[in-house]
């Protein structure tokens, strides 16, 4: 076997380092995707999107579907709402936000399931499929977070937050951590989607043209 040409040797070193780095970044992307799916599950389940303050008539808190409001006589929290019973959700806007956030969560879970495709399909294509799913999840989260305040004029919300409460106006209530986390998750999804598309495009062509050299037989060597 003939001795490798300098250009071929440089190409081989570049290829080895590139593949190693791409795999490391891919593992990080997969770990962050798993963490992001956990965040979306917490955002979906937790009923702390909005809540009371020191100035509210009643104590309580609201999520996408589950909410608790204090009893004026006993100060005991009365909780209602179920993801399986849309009629128990106090506002149509809350139901719509529930659908968008729930679908976004399912898309992220689907992208995790798509990790198994790495063993059967082209790596670049799998990255791009997951990237589109994560981008769609970001769009759905934006819609869910924008629509949710449209339901703040519901009678149950006004009972907790006061009569000044209206659509996109919380009155005496405050935004809680789950809503803030939902907004932050939009940026997370966009970053993950960008990273997935970047990895997918780079997988399509591991070596740039200037690292391709021809051997004596006229064939391209890497």
N, C-alpha and C. Protein backbone atom coordinates (compact mmCIF):
# COMPACT_ATOMS: atom_id res chain seq x y z
N UNK A 1 0.86 -1.20 0.00
CA UNK A 1 0.00 0.00 0.00
C UNK A 1 0.89 1.24 0.00
N UNK A 2 0.64 2.18 -0.93
CA UNK A 2 1.47 3.35 -1.06
C UNK A 2 1.31 4.30 0.12
N UNK A 3 2.32 5.14 0.28
CA UNK A 3 2.28 6.12 1.36
C UNK A 3 1.27 7.20 1.03
N UNK A 4 0.53 7.64 2.06
CA UNK A 4 -0.52 8.64 1.85
C UNK A 4 0.09 9.98 1.48
N UNK A 5 -0.55 10.69 0.57
CA UNK A 5 -0.13 12.03 0.21
C UNK A 5 -0.46 12.99 1.36
N UNK A 6 0.27 14.10 1.50
CA UNK A 6 0.00 15.05 2.59
C UNK A 6 -1.45 15.54 2.60
N UNK A 7 -1.99 15.82 1.42
CA UNK A 7 -3.37 16.31 1.36
C UNK A 7 -4.35 15.24 1.83
N UNK A 8 -4.08 13.99 1.46
CA UNK A 8 -4.94 12.89 1.90
C UNK A 8 -4.87 12.71 3.41
N UNK A 9 -3.67 12.84 3.95
CA UNK A 9 -3.49 12.68 5.39
C UNK A 9 -4.23 13.79 6.14
N UNK A 10 -4.12 15.01 5.62
CA UNK A 10 -4.83 16.13 6.25
C UNK A 10 -6.34 15.93 6.19
N UNK A 11 -6.81 15.39 5.04
CA UNK A 11 -8.24 15.15 4.89
C UNK A 11 -8.72 14.09 5.87
N UNK A 12 -7.91 13.06 6.06
CA UNK A 12 -8.29 11.99 6.99
C UNK A 12 -8.36 12.50 8.43
N UNK A 13 -7.37 13.34 8.82
CA UNK A 13 -7.37 13.91 10.16
C UNK A 13 -8.59 14.81 10.36
N UNK A 14 -8.87 15.62 9.34
CA UNK A 14 -10.03 16.51 9.42
C UNK A 14 -11.31 15.70 9.56
N UNK A 15 -11.42 14.65 8.76
CA UNK A 15 -12.62 13.81 8.78
C UNK A 15 -12.81 13.17 10.16
N UNK A 16 -11.73 12.65 10.73
CA UNK A 16 -11.81 11.99 12.04
C UNK A 16 -12.25 12.98 13.12
N UNK A 17 -11.62 14.16 13.11
CA UNK A 17 -11.97 15.17 14.12
C UNK A 17 -13.39 15.69 13.93
N UNK A 18 -13.78 15.84 12.67
CA UNK A 18 -15.12 16.35 12.38
C UNK A 18 -16.19 15.38 12.87
N UNK A 19 -16.01 14.11 12.56
CA UNK A 19 -16.98 13.10 12.97
C UNK A 19 -17.06 13.03 14.50
N UNK A 20 -15.91 13.09 15.15
CA UNK A 20 -15.88 13.03 16.62
C UNK A 20 -16.63 14.22 17.22
N UNK A 21 -16.36 15.42 16.70
CA UNK A 21 -17.04 16.61 17.21
C UNK A 21 -18.54 16.59 16.92
N UNK A 22 -18.90 16.13 15.72
CA UNK A 22 -20.31 16.06 15.35
C UNK A 22 -21.07 15.11 16.26
N UNK A 23 -20.45 14.00 16.61
CA UNK A 23 -21.09 13.04 17.49
C UNK A 23 -21.26 13.62 18.89
N UNK A 24 -20.24 14.35 19.36
CA UNK A 24 -20.32 14.96 20.69
C UNK A 24 -21.44 15.99 20.76
N UNK A 25 -21.53 16.82 19.71
CA UNK A 25 -22.59 17.83 19.67
C UNK A 25 -23.96 17.16 19.54
N UNK A 26 -24.01 16.08 18.76
CA UNK A 26 -25.26 15.34 18.62
C UNK A 26 -25.74 14.75 19.93
N UNK A 27 -24.80 14.23 20.72
CA UNK A 27 -25.16 13.69 22.04
C UNK A 27 -25.69 14.80 22.94
N UNK A 28 -25.03 15.96 22.91
CA UNK A 28 -25.50 17.11 23.70
C UNK A 28 -26.90 17.52 23.27
N UNK A 29 -27.12 17.56 21.95
CA UNK A 29 -28.44 17.92 21.43
C UNK A 29 -29.50 16.94 21.91
N UNK A 30 -29.19 15.65 21.90
CA UNK A 30 -30.14 14.64 22.35
C UNK A 30 -30.44 14.79 23.84
N UNK A 31 -29.42 15.06 24.65
CA UNK A 31 -29.62 15.25 26.09
C UNK A 31 -30.48 16.47 26.36
N UNK A 32 -30.20 17.57 25.66
CA UNK A 32 -30.99 18.79 25.85
C UNK A 32 -32.43 18.60 25.36
N UNK A 33 -32.61 17.78 24.34
CA UNK A 33 -33.98 17.49 23.87
C UNK A 33 -34.76 16.73 24.94
N UNK A 34 -34.12 15.78 25.59
CA UNK A 34 -34.76 15.05 26.67
C UNK A 34 -35.11 15.99 27.82
N UNK A 35 -34.17 16.87 28.18
CA UNK A 35 -34.43 17.84 29.25
C UNK A 35 -35.58 18.77 28.88
N UNK A 36 -35.60 19.17 27.61
CA UNK A 36 -36.66 20.06 27.14
C UNK A 36 -38.03 19.38 27.21
N UNK A 37 -38.08 18.11 26.87
CA UNK A 37 -39.36 17.38 26.95
C UNK A 37 -39.86 17.33 28.39
N UNK A 38 -38.95 17.18 29.35
CA UNK A 38 -39.34 17.18 30.76
C UNK A 38 -39.89 18.55 31.16
N UNK A 39 -39.24 19.61 30.67
CA UNK A 39 -39.71 20.97 30.96
C UNK A 39 -41.13 21.17 30.43
N UNK A 40 -41.39 20.71 29.21
CA UNK A 40 -42.73 20.88 28.62
C UNK A 40 -43.78 20.08 29.40
N UNK A 41 -43.40 18.91 29.87
CA UNK A 41 -44.34 18.12 30.68
C UNK A 41 -44.69 18.85 31.97
N UNK A 42 -43.69 19.45 32.59
CA UNK A 42 -43.92 20.21 33.82
C UNK A 42 -44.82 21.40 33.54
N UNK A 43 -44.53 22.12 32.45
CA UNK A 43 -45.34 23.28 32.07
C UNK A 43 -46.78 22.87 31.80
N UNK A 44 -46.95 21.74 31.16
CA UNK A 44 -48.29 21.26 30.80
C UNK A 44 -49.10 20.86 32.03
N UNK A 45 -48.45 20.21 32.98
CA UNK A 45 -49.17 19.64 34.13
C UNK A 45 -49.37 20.64 35.26
N UNK A 46 -48.35 21.44 35.54
CA UNK A 46 -48.39 22.29 36.74
C UNK A 46 -49.44 23.40 36.62
N UNK A 47 -50.23 23.63 37.67
CA UNK A 47 -51.28 24.66 37.63
C UNK A 47 -50.81 26.02 38.15
N UNK A 48 -49.59 26.39 37.81
CA UNK A 48 -49.06 27.65 38.32
C UNK A 48 -48.69 28.60 37.19
N UNK A 49 -49.66 28.82 36.30
CA UNK A 49 -49.46 29.79 35.23
C UNK A 49 -49.77 31.20 35.74
N UNK A 50 -50.86 31.34 36.45
CA UNK A 50 -51.18 32.61 37.11
C UNK A 50 -51.64 32.29 38.53
N UNK A 51 -51.54 33.28 39.42
CA UNK A 51 -51.93 33.03 40.80
C UNK A 51 -52.26 34.30 41.56
N UNK A 52 -52.62 34.13 42.81
CA UNK A 52 -53.05 35.25 43.64
C UNK A 52 -51.88 36.12 44.07
N UNK A 53 -52.22 37.21 44.72
CA UNK A 53 -51.24 38.10 45.34
C UNK A 53 -51.84 38.60 46.65
N UNK A 54 -51.16 39.52 47.31
CA UNK A 54 -51.66 40.03 48.59
C UNK A 54 -52.92 40.87 48.41
N UNK A 55 -53.19 41.32 47.19
CA UNK A 55 -54.34 42.21 46.94
C UNK A 55 -55.53 41.50 46.31
N UNK A 56 -55.44 40.20 46.06
CA UNK A 56 -56.55 39.50 45.41
C UNK A 56 -57.66 39.17 46.40
N UNK A 57 -58.92 39.18 45.93
CA UNK A 57 -60.04 38.85 46.82
C UNK A 57 -59.98 37.43 47.36
N UNK A 58 -59.48 36.50 46.52
CA UNK A 58 -59.40 35.10 46.93
C UNK A 58 -58.01 34.54 46.63
N UNK A 59 -57.62 33.56 47.41
CA UNK A 59 -56.38 32.85 47.13
C UNK A 59 -56.63 31.82 46.03
N UNK A 60 -55.57 31.44 45.32
CA UNK A 60 -55.73 30.41 44.30
C UNK A 60 -54.68 30.50 43.21
N UNK A 61 -54.83 29.63 42.23
CA UNK A 61 -53.91 29.58 41.10
C UNK A 61 -54.57 28.84 39.95
N UNK A 62 -54.10 29.13 38.74
CA UNK A 62 -54.64 28.54 37.52
C UNK A 62 -53.52 27.97 36.67
N UNK A 63 -53.80 26.84 36.02
CA UNK A 63 -52.91 26.27 35.02
C UNK A 63 -53.63 26.22 33.69
N UNK A 64 -53.22 25.31 32.84
CA UNK A 64 -53.89 25.15 31.56
C UNK A 64 -55.27 24.53 31.71
N UNK A 65 -55.42 23.62 32.65
CA UNK A 65 -56.71 22.95 32.82
C UNK A 65 -57.11 22.80 34.28
N UNK A 66 -56.17 22.78 35.18
CA UNK A 66 -56.45 22.58 36.60
C UNK A 66 -56.33 23.90 37.34
N UNK A 67 -57.26 24.17 38.23
CA UNK A 67 -57.21 25.43 38.97
C UNK A 67 -57.82 25.25 40.37
N UNK A 68 -57.39 26.11 41.29
CA UNK A 68 -57.88 26.10 42.66
C UNK A 68 -58.21 27.53 43.08
N UNK A 69 -59.38 27.70 43.71
CA UNK A 69 -59.80 29.01 44.20
C UNK A 69 -60.23 28.86 45.65
N UNK A 70 -59.84 29.81 46.48
CA UNK A 70 -60.17 29.75 47.89
C UNK A 70 -61.64 30.01 48.18
N UNK A 71 -62.17 29.36 49.20
CA UNK A 71 -63.53 29.59 49.66
C UNK A 71 -63.54 30.84 50.55
N UNK A 72 -64.47 31.77 50.29
CA UNK A 72 -64.51 33.03 51.03
C UNK A 72 -64.79 32.84 52.51
N UNK A 73 -65.49 31.77 52.88
CA UNK A 73 -65.88 31.55 54.27
C UNK A 73 -64.84 30.73 55.03
N UNK A 74 -64.35 29.67 54.40
CA UNK A 74 -63.44 28.76 55.11
C UNK A 74 -61.97 28.93 54.73
N UNK A 75 -61.69 29.71 53.67
CA UNK A 75 -60.34 29.90 53.14
C UNK A 75 -59.73 28.60 52.60
N UNK A 76 -60.55 27.59 52.44
CA UNK A 76 -60.07 26.31 51.90
C UNK A 76 -60.08 26.37 50.38
N UNK A 77 -59.02 25.85 49.78
CA UNK A 77 -58.94 25.86 48.33
C UNK A 77 -59.84 24.78 47.74
N UNK A 78 -60.64 25.18 46.75
CA UNK A 78 -61.51 24.26 46.03
C UNK A 78 -60.93 24.10 44.63
N UNK A 79 -60.55 22.89 44.28
CA UNK A 79 -59.84 22.63 43.02
C UNK A 79 -60.74 21.90 42.02
N UNK A 80 -60.61 22.30 40.77
CA UNK A 80 -61.39 21.70 39.70
C UNK A 80 -60.53 21.62 38.43
N UNK A 81 -61.08 20.95 37.42
CA UNK A 81 -60.42 20.90 36.12
C UNK A 81 -59.72 19.58 35.85
N UNK A 82 -59.90 19.08 34.64
CA UNK A 82 -59.26 17.84 34.23
C UNK A 82 -58.94 17.91 32.75
N UNK A 83 -57.79 17.36 32.38
CA UNK A 83 -57.40 17.35 30.97
C UNK A 83 -58.32 16.45 30.15
N UNK A 84 -59.01 15.53 30.80
CA UNK A 84 -59.93 14.62 30.12
C UNK A 84 -61.35 15.15 30.05
N UNK A 85 -61.61 16.27 30.71
CA UNK A 85 -62.95 16.85 30.74
C UNK A 85 -62.85 18.32 30.35
N UNK A 86 -63.00 18.61 29.07
CA UNK A 86 -62.88 19.99 28.59
C UNK A 86 -63.94 20.90 29.20
N UNK A 87 -65.09 20.34 29.54
CA UNK A 87 -66.16 21.17 30.12
C UNK A 87 -65.77 21.73 31.48
N UNK A 88 -64.83 21.10 32.15
CA UNK A 88 -64.40 21.57 33.47
C UNK A 88 -63.37 22.69 33.38
N UNK A 89 -62.85 22.97 32.18
CA UNK A 89 -61.88 24.04 31.99
C UNK A 89 -62.65 25.36 31.85
N UNK A 90 -62.32 26.38 32.64
CA UNK A 90 -63.17 27.57 32.76
C UNK A 90 -63.23 28.49 31.56
N UNK A 91 -62.36 28.31 30.56
CA UNK A 91 -62.34 29.24 29.44
C UNK A 91 -62.01 28.53 28.14
N UNK A 92 -62.63 28.99 27.06
CA UNK A 92 -62.31 28.45 25.74
C UNK A 92 -60.87 28.72 25.35
N UNK A 93 -60.37 29.88 25.76
CA UNK A 93 -58.97 30.20 25.46
C UNK A 93 -58.02 29.24 26.19
N UNK A 94 -58.37 28.87 27.41
CA UNK A 94 -57.55 27.91 28.15
C UNK A 94 -57.55 26.56 27.44
N UNK A 95 -58.70 26.16 26.89
CA UNK A 95 -58.80 24.89 26.17
C UNK A 95 -57.91 24.92 24.92
N UNK A 96 -57.96 26.05 24.21
CA UNK A 96 -57.14 26.18 23.00
C UNK A 96 -55.66 26.16 23.34
N UNK A 97 -55.28 26.89 24.38
CA UNK A 97 -53.88 26.88 24.82
C UNK A 97 -53.46 25.48 25.25
N UNK A 98 -54.37 24.77 25.92
CA UNK A 98 -54.09 23.40 26.33
C UNK A 98 -53.79 22.53 25.12
N UNK A 99 -54.57 22.69 24.05
CA UNK A 99 -54.36 21.91 22.84
C UNK A 99 -53.00 22.21 22.21
N UNK A 100 -52.65 23.50 22.09
CA UNK A 100 -51.39 23.87 21.46
C UNK A 100 -50.19 23.40 22.28
N UNK A 101 -50.23 23.64 23.59
CA UNK A 101 -49.10 23.23 24.44
C UNK A 101 -49.00 21.71 24.49
N UNK A 102 -50.15 21.03 24.56
CA UNK A 102 -50.14 19.57 24.57
C UNK A 102 -49.58 18.98 23.29
N UNK A 103 -49.95 19.59 22.15
CA UNK A 103 -49.42 19.12 20.87
C UNK A 103 -47.92 19.37 20.77
N UNK A 104 -47.48 20.53 21.28
CA UNK A 104 -46.04 20.84 21.29
C UNK A 104 -45.28 19.81 22.12
N UNK A 105 -45.85 19.43 23.24
CA UNK A 105 -45.22 18.41 24.09
C UNK A 105 -45.13 17.08 23.36
N UNK A 106 -46.20 16.69 22.67
CA UNK A 106 -46.20 15.42 21.94
C UNK A 106 -45.18 15.42 20.80
N UNK A 107 -45.00 16.57 20.17
CA UNK A 107 -44.01 16.66 19.09
C UNK A 107 -42.60 16.46 19.62
N UNK A 108 -42.32 17.04 20.78
CA UNK A 108 -40.99 16.87 21.37
C UNK A 108 -40.78 15.42 21.79
N UNK A 109 -41.81 14.82 22.36
CA UNK A 109 -41.71 13.40 22.71
C UNK A 109 -41.50 12.57 21.44
N UNK A 110 -42.18 12.97 20.36
CA UNK A 110 -42.00 12.28 19.08
C UNK A 110 -40.59 12.40 18.55
N UNK A 111 -39.98 13.57 18.74
CA UNK A 111 -38.59 13.73 18.30
C UNK A 111 -37.65 12.84 19.10
N UNK A 112 -37.99 12.61 20.38
CA UNK A 112 -37.20 11.68 21.18
C UNK A 112 -37.34 10.25 20.66
N UNK A 113 -38.57 9.88 20.30
CA UNK A 113 -38.80 8.55 19.72
C UNK A 113 -38.02 8.42 18.41
N UNK A 114 -37.89 9.55 17.70
CA UNK A 114 -37.16 9.54 16.44
C UNK A 114 -35.68 9.24 16.58
N UNK A 115 -35.16 9.30 17.82
CA UNK A 115 -33.74 8.95 18.02
C UNK A 115 -33.46 7.54 17.51
N UNK A 116 -34.47 6.67 17.60
CA UNK A 116 -34.28 5.29 17.15
C UNK A 116 -34.05 5.18 15.66
N UNK A 117 -34.46 6.22 14.91
CA UNK A 117 -34.27 6.19 13.46
C UNK A 117 -32.80 6.32 13.07
N UNK A 118 -31.96 6.80 13.98
CA UNK A 118 -30.54 6.93 13.68
C UNK A 118 -29.91 5.58 13.32
N UNK A 119 -30.52 4.49 13.80
CA UNK A 119 -29.97 3.16 13.54
C UNK A 119 -30.42 2.60 12.19
N UNK A 120 -31.44 3.23 11.58
CA UNK A 120 -32.01 2.67 10.36
C UNK A 120 -31.98 3.62 9.17
N UNK A 121 -31.93 4.93 9.43
CA UNK A 121 -32.05 5.91 8.35
C UNK A 121 -30.81 6.79 8.27
N UNK A 122 -30.77 7.59 7.22
CA UNK A 122 -29.68 8.54 7.04
C UNK A 122 -29.66 9.53 8.21
N UNK A 123 -28.48 9.72 8.80
CA UNK A 123 -28.35 10.55 9.99
C UNK A 123 -28.79 11.99 9.74
N UNK A 124 -28.37 12.54 8.60
CA UNK A 124 -28.75 13.91 8.28
C UNK A 124 -30.25 14.08 8.16
N UNK A 125 -30.92 13.12 7.55
CA UNK A 125 -32.38 13.20 7.40
C UNK A 125 -33.09 13.13 8.75
N UNK A 126 -32.58 12.29 9.65
CA UNK A 126 -33.19 12.18 10.98
C UNK A 126 -33.06 13.49 11.75
N UNK A 127 -31.88 14.10 11.67
CA UNK A 127 -31.69 15.40 12.33
C UNK A 127 -32.69 16.43 11.80
N UNK A 128 -32.89 16.44 10.50
CA UNK A 128 -33.80 17.42 9.89
C UNK A 128 -35.25 17.16 10.28
N UNK A 129 -35.64 15.89 10.33
CA UNK A 129 -37.00 15.56 10.75
C UNK A 129 -37.24 16.03 12.19
N UNK A 130 -36.29 15.73 13.07
CA UNK A 130 -36.41 16.17 14.46
C UNK A 130 -36.39 17.69 14.55
N UNK A 131 -35.58 18.33 13.70
CA UNK A 131 -35.53 19.79 13.70
C UNK A 131 -36.86 20.42 13.32
N UNK A 132 -37.54 19.85 12.32
CA UNK A 132 -38.85 20.37 11.93
C UNK A 132 -39.87 20.16 13.04
N UNK A 133 -39.78 19.04 13.73
CA UNK A 133 -40.69 18.79 14.84
C UNK A 133 -40.45 19.77 15.98
N UNK A 134 -39.20 20.08 16.25
CA UNK A 134 -38.89 21.03 17.31
C UNK A 134 -39.28 22.45 16.92
N UNK A 135 -39.11 22.79 15.65
CA UNK A 135 -39.54 24.10 15.19
C UNK A 135 -41.05 24.25 15.28
N UNK A 136 -41.78 23.20 14.89
CA UNK A 136 -43.25 23.22 15.01
C UNK A 136 -43.67 23.33 16.47
N UNK A 137 -42.92 22.68 17.36
CA UNK A 137 -43.22 22.77 18.79
C UNK A 137 -43.06 24.19 19.28
N UNK A 138 -42.02 24.89 18.80
CA UNK A 138 -41.81 26.28 19.20
C UNK A 138 -42.97 27.16 18.74
N UNK A 139 -43.42 26.95 17.51
CA UNK A 139 -44.54 27.74 16.97
C UNK A 139 -45.81 27.49 17.79
N UNK A 140 -46.07 26.23 18.12
CA UNK A 140 -47.26 25.90 18.92
C UNK A 140 -47.17 26.49 20.33
N UNK A 141 -45.98 26.51 20.91
CA UNK A 141 -45.82 27.12 22.23
C UNK A 141 -46.07 28.63 22.17
N UNK A 142 -45.62 29.27 21.10
CA UNK A 142 -45.90 30.69 20.93
C UNK A 142 -47.40 30.94 20.89
N UNK A 143 -48.11 30.13 20.11
CA UNK A 143 -49.56 30.29 19.99
C UNK A 143 -50.26 30.03 21.32
N UNK A 144 -49.82 28.99 22.04
CA UNK A 144 -50.41 28.69 23.33
C UNK A 144 -50.21 29.79 24.34
N UNK A 145 -48.99 30.34 24.40
CA UNK A 145 -48.70 31.41 25.36
C UNK A 145 -49.42 32.71 25.00
N UNK A 146 -49.64 32.94 23.71
CA UNK A 146 -50.34 34.15 23.29
C UNK A 146 -51.85 34.06 23.52
N UNK A 147 -52.40 32.87 23.36
CA UNK A 147 -53.85 32.68 23.49
C UNK A 147 -54.27 32.58 24.95
N UNK A 148 -53.42 32.04 25.81
CA UNK A 148 -53.79 31.82 27.21
C UNK A 148 -54.34 33.07 27.91
N UNK A 149 -53.73 34.25 27.77
CA UNK A 149 -54.28 35.44 28.45
C UNK A 149 -55.65 35.86 27.95
N UNK A 150 -56.07 35.36 26.79
CA UNK A 150 -57.40 35.70 26.28
C UNK A 150 -58.50 35.12 27.17
N UNK A 151 -58.15 34.16 28.02
CA UNK A 151 -59.13 33.56 28.91
C UNK A 151 -59.16 34.16 30.30
N UNK A 152 -58.42 35.24 30.52
CA UNK A 152 -58.38 35.84 31.86
C UNK A 152 -59.67 36.57 32.24
N UNK A 153 -60.58 36.69 31.28
CA UNK A 153 -61.87 37.32 31.61
C UNK A 153 -62.91 36.30 32.06
N UNK A 154 -62.51 35.06 32.25
CA UNK A 154 -63.43 34.02 32.72
C UNK A 154 -63.92 34.36 34.13
N UNK A 155 -65.18 34.03 34.46
CA UNK A 155 -65.72 34.35 35.79
C UNK A 155 -64.88 33.78 36.94
N UNK A 156 -64.35 32.59 36.76
CA UNK A 156 -63.55 31.99 37.82
C UNK A 156 -62.26 32.79 38.07
N UNK A 157 -61.65 33.28 36.99
CA UNK A 157 -60.44 34.08 37.14
C UNK A 157 -60.76 35.42 37.81
N UNK A 158 -61.88 36.02 37.40
CA UNK A 158 -62.28 37.29 38.02
C UNK A 158 -62.60 37.12 39.50
N UNK A 159 -63.14 35.97 39.87
CA UNK A 159 -63.45 35.73 41.28
C UNK A 159 -62.19 35.71 42.12
N UNK A 160 -61.08 35.24 41.54
CA UNK A 160 -59.83 35.22 42.27
C UNK A 160 -59.07 36.53 42.15
N UNK A 161 -59.07 37.13 40.95
CA UNK A 161 -58.20 38.28 40.68
C UNK A 161 -58.89 39.63 40.84
N UNK A 162 -60.23 39.65 40.93
CA UNK A 162 -60.95 40.91 41.07
C UNK A 162 -61.67 41.31 39.80
N UNK A 163 -62.56 42.26 39.93
CA UNK A 163 -63.41 42.68 38.81
C UNK A 163 -62.65 43.43 37.73
N UNK A 164 -61.48 43.96 38.04
CA UNK A 164 -60.69 44.70 37.06
C UNK A 164 -60.01 43.76 36.06
N UNK A 165 -60.06 42.48 36.35
CA UNK A 165 -59.41 41.50 35.47
C UNK A 165 -60.15 41.41 34.14
N UNK A 166 -59.41 41.34 33.06
CA UNK A 166 -59.99 41.22 31.73
C UNK A 166 -58.99 40.50 30.83
N UNK A 167 -59.35 40.32 29.58
CA UNK A 167 -58.44 39.68 28.63
C UNK A 167 -57.12 40.44 28.60
N UNK A 168 -56.03 39.72 28.75
CA UNK A 168 -54.68 40.26 28.74
C UNK A 168 -54.45 41.30 29.84
N UNK A 169 -55.28 41.25 30.87
CA UNK A 169 -55.13 42.12 32.03
C UNK A 169 -55.42 41.29 33.28
N UNK A 170 -54.39 41.01 34.07
CA UNK A 170 -54.54 40.11 35.21
C UNK A 170 -55.13 40.78 36.45
N UNK A 171 -55.35 42.07 36.40
CA UNK A 171 -55.89 42.72 37.58
C UNK A 171 -54.91 42.65 38.74
N UNK A 172 -55.37 42.08 39.85
CA UNK A 172 -54.52 41.99 41.05
C UNK A 172 -53.69 40.70 41.11
N UNK A 173 -53.87 39.82 40.15
CA UNK A 173 -53.13 38.55 40.15
C UNK A 173 -51.74 38.72 39.53
N UNK A 174 -50.97 37.69 39.61
CA UNK A 174 -49.60 37.74 39.08
C UNK A 174 -49.32 36.52 38.20
N UNK A 175 -48.37 36.69 37.30
CA UNK A 175 -47.91 35.57 36.47
C UNK A 175 -47.00 34.69 37.32
N UNK A 176 -47.22 33.38 37.25
CA UNK A 176 -46.43 32.44 38.04
C UNK A 176 -45.34 31.78 37.19
N UNK A 177 -44.54 30.95 37.84
CA UNK A 177 -43.32 30.41 37.23
C UNK A 177 -43.57 29.49 36.04
N UNK A 178 -44.70 28.77 36.04
CA UNK A 178 -44.95 27.84 34.93
C UNK A 178 -45.16 28.59 33.61
N UNK A 179 -45.84 29.75 33.67
CA UNK A 179 -46.05 30.55 32.47
C UNK A 179 -44.72 31.12 31.98
N UNK A 180 -43.90 31.59 32.90
CA UNK A 180 -42.58 32.11 32.53
C UNK A 180 -41.73 31.01 31.92
N UNK A 181 -41.79 29.81 32.50
CA UNK A 181 -41.04 28.68 31.97
C UNK A 181 -41.52 28.31 30.57
N UNK A 182 -42.82 28.43 30.34
CA UNK A 182 -43.37 28.14 29.01
C UNK A 182 -42.83 29.11 27.97
N UNK A 183 -42.72 30.38 28.34
CA UNK A 183 -42.18 31.38 27.42
C UNK A 183 -40.70 31.11 27.14
N UNK A 184 -39.94 30.77 28.19
CA UNK A 184 -38.52 30.45 28.01
C UNK A 184 -38.35 29.22 27.12
N UNK A 185 -39.27 28.27 27.24
CA UNK A 185 -39.16 27.03 26.45
C UNK A 185 -39.26 27.28 24.95
N UNK A 186 -39.87 28.38 24.56
CA UNK A 186 -39.95 28.73 23.14
C UNK A 186 -38.55 28.94 22.58
N UNK A 187 -37.74 29.71 23.32
CA UNK A 187 -36.35 29.94 22.90
C UNK A 187 -35.56 28.64 22.90
N UNK A 188 -35.82 27.79 23.89
CA UNK A 188 -35.14 26.48 23.94
C UNK A 188 -35.43 25.67 22.69
N UNK A 189 -36.71 25.62 22.30
CA UNK A 189 -37.11 24.84 21.13
C UNK A 189 -36.47 25.38 19.86
N UNK A 190 -36.39 26.71 19.73
CA UNK A 190 -35.77 27.31 18.55
C UNK A 190 -34.28 26.98 18.48
N UNK A 191 -33.60 27.01 19.63
CA UNK A 191 -32.17 26.68 19.66
C UNK A 191 -31.95 25.22 19.27
N UNK A 192 -32.78 24.33 19.82
CA UNK A 192 -32.65 22.91 19.50
C UNK A 192 -32.92 22.64 18.02
N UNK A 193 -33.94 23.32 17.47
CA UNK A 193 -34.26 23.15 16.05
C UNK A 193 -33.10 23.64 15.18
N UNK A 194 -32.54 24.80 15.52
CA UNK A 194 -31.40 25.35 14.76
C UNK A 194 -30.22 24.38 14.81
N UNK A 195 -29.95 23.85 15.98
CA UNK A 195 -28.85 22.91 16.13
C UNK A 195 -29.09 21.63 15.33
N UNK A 196 -30.35 21.15 15.33
CA UNK A 196 -30.68 19.94 14.57
C UNK A 196 -30.49 20.16 13.07
N UNK A 197 -30.93 21.31 12.56
CA UNK A 197 -30.76 21.60 11.13
C UNK A 197 -29.28 21.74 10.77
N UNK A 198 -28.52 22.37 11.67
CA UNK A 198 -27.08 22.53 11.42
C UNK A 198 -26.39 21.18 11.36
N UNK A 199 -26.69 20.31 12.31
CA UNK A 199 -26.10 18.96 12.32
C UNK A 199 -26.54 18.17 11.08
N UNK A 200 -27.80 18.31 10.71
CA UNK A 200 -28.31 17.60 9.55
C UNK A 200 -27.63 18.03 8.26
N UNK A 201 -27.43 19.34 8.09
CA UNK A 201 -26.79 19.84 6.88
C UNK A 201 -25.33 19.43 6.81
N UNK A 202 -24.67 19.41 7.95
CA UNK A 202 -23.25 19.03 7.96
C UNK A 202 -23.08 17.53 7.73
N UNK A 203 -24.06 16.76 8.13
CA UNK A 203 -23.98 15.31 7.90
C UNK A 203 -24.11 14.99 6.42
N UNK A 204 -24.79 15.86 5.67
CA UNK A 204 -24.98 15.60 4.24
C UNK A 204 -23.66 15.63 3.48
N UNK A 205 -22.72 16.39 4.01
CA UNK A 205 -21.43 16.47 3.34
C UNK A 205 -20.35 16.65 4.39
N UNK A 206 -19.70 15.58 4.76
CA UNK A 206 -18.74 15.62 5.85
C UNK A 206 -17.48 16.41 5.50
N UNK A 207 -17.07 16.38 4.26
CA UNK A 207 -15.82 17.05 3.88
C UNK A 207 -16.07 18.18 2.89
N UNK A 208 -15.43 19.32 3.08
CA UNK A 208 -15.49 20.37 2.06
C UNK A 208 -14.68 19.99 0.83
N UNK A 209 -14.94 20.67 -0.29
CA UNK A 209 -14.33 20.31 -1.56
C UNK A 209 -12.80 20.40 -1.53
N UNK A 210 -12.25 21.38 -0.78
CA UNK A 210 -10.81 21.57 -0.85
C UNK A 210 -10.05 20.49 -0.09
N UNK A 211 -10.76 19.54 0.58
CA UNK A 211 -10.09 18.42 1.22
C UNK A 211 -10.20 17.16 0.38
N UNK A 212 -10.83 17.26 -0.81
CA UNK A 212 -10.93 16.12 -1.69
C UNK A 212 -9.74 16.15 -2.65
N UNK A 213 -9.03 15.06 -2.71
CA UNK A 213 -7.87 14.98 -3.61
C UNK A 213 -7.99 13.75 -4.48
N UNK A 214 -7.34 13.77 -5.61
CA UNK A 214 -7.38 12.64 -6.53
C UNK A 214 -6.09 11.85 -6.41
N UNK A 215 -6.22 10.51 -6.39
CA UNK A 215 -5.01 9.68 -6.35
C UNK A 215 -4.54 9.42 -7.78
N UNK A 216 -3.54 8.56 -7.87
CA UNK A 216 -2.96 8.30 -9.19
C UNK A 216 -3.92 7.66 -10.16
N UNK A 217 -4.93 6.93 -9.67
CA UNK A 217 -5.88 6.26 -10.56
C UNK A 217 -7.02 7.16 -10.98
N UNK A 218 -7.00 8.40 -10.49
CA UNK A 218 -8.06 9.33 -10.88
C UNK A 218 -9.26 9.26 -10.00
N UNK A 219 -9.21 8.44 -8.94
CA UNK A 219 -10.35 8.33 -8.03
C UNK A 219 -10.20 9.34 -6.91
N UNK A 220 -11.33 9.78 -6.33
CA UNK A 220 -11.30 10.72 -5.22
C UNK A 220 -11.00 9.99 -3.92
N UNK A 221 -10.10 10.54 -3.17
CA UNK A 221 -9.75 9.96 -1.87
C UNK A 221 -10.06 10.96 -0.78
N UNK A 222 -10.39 10.42 0.43
CA UNK A 222 -10.77 11.27 1.54
C UNK A 222 -9.85 11.03 2.72
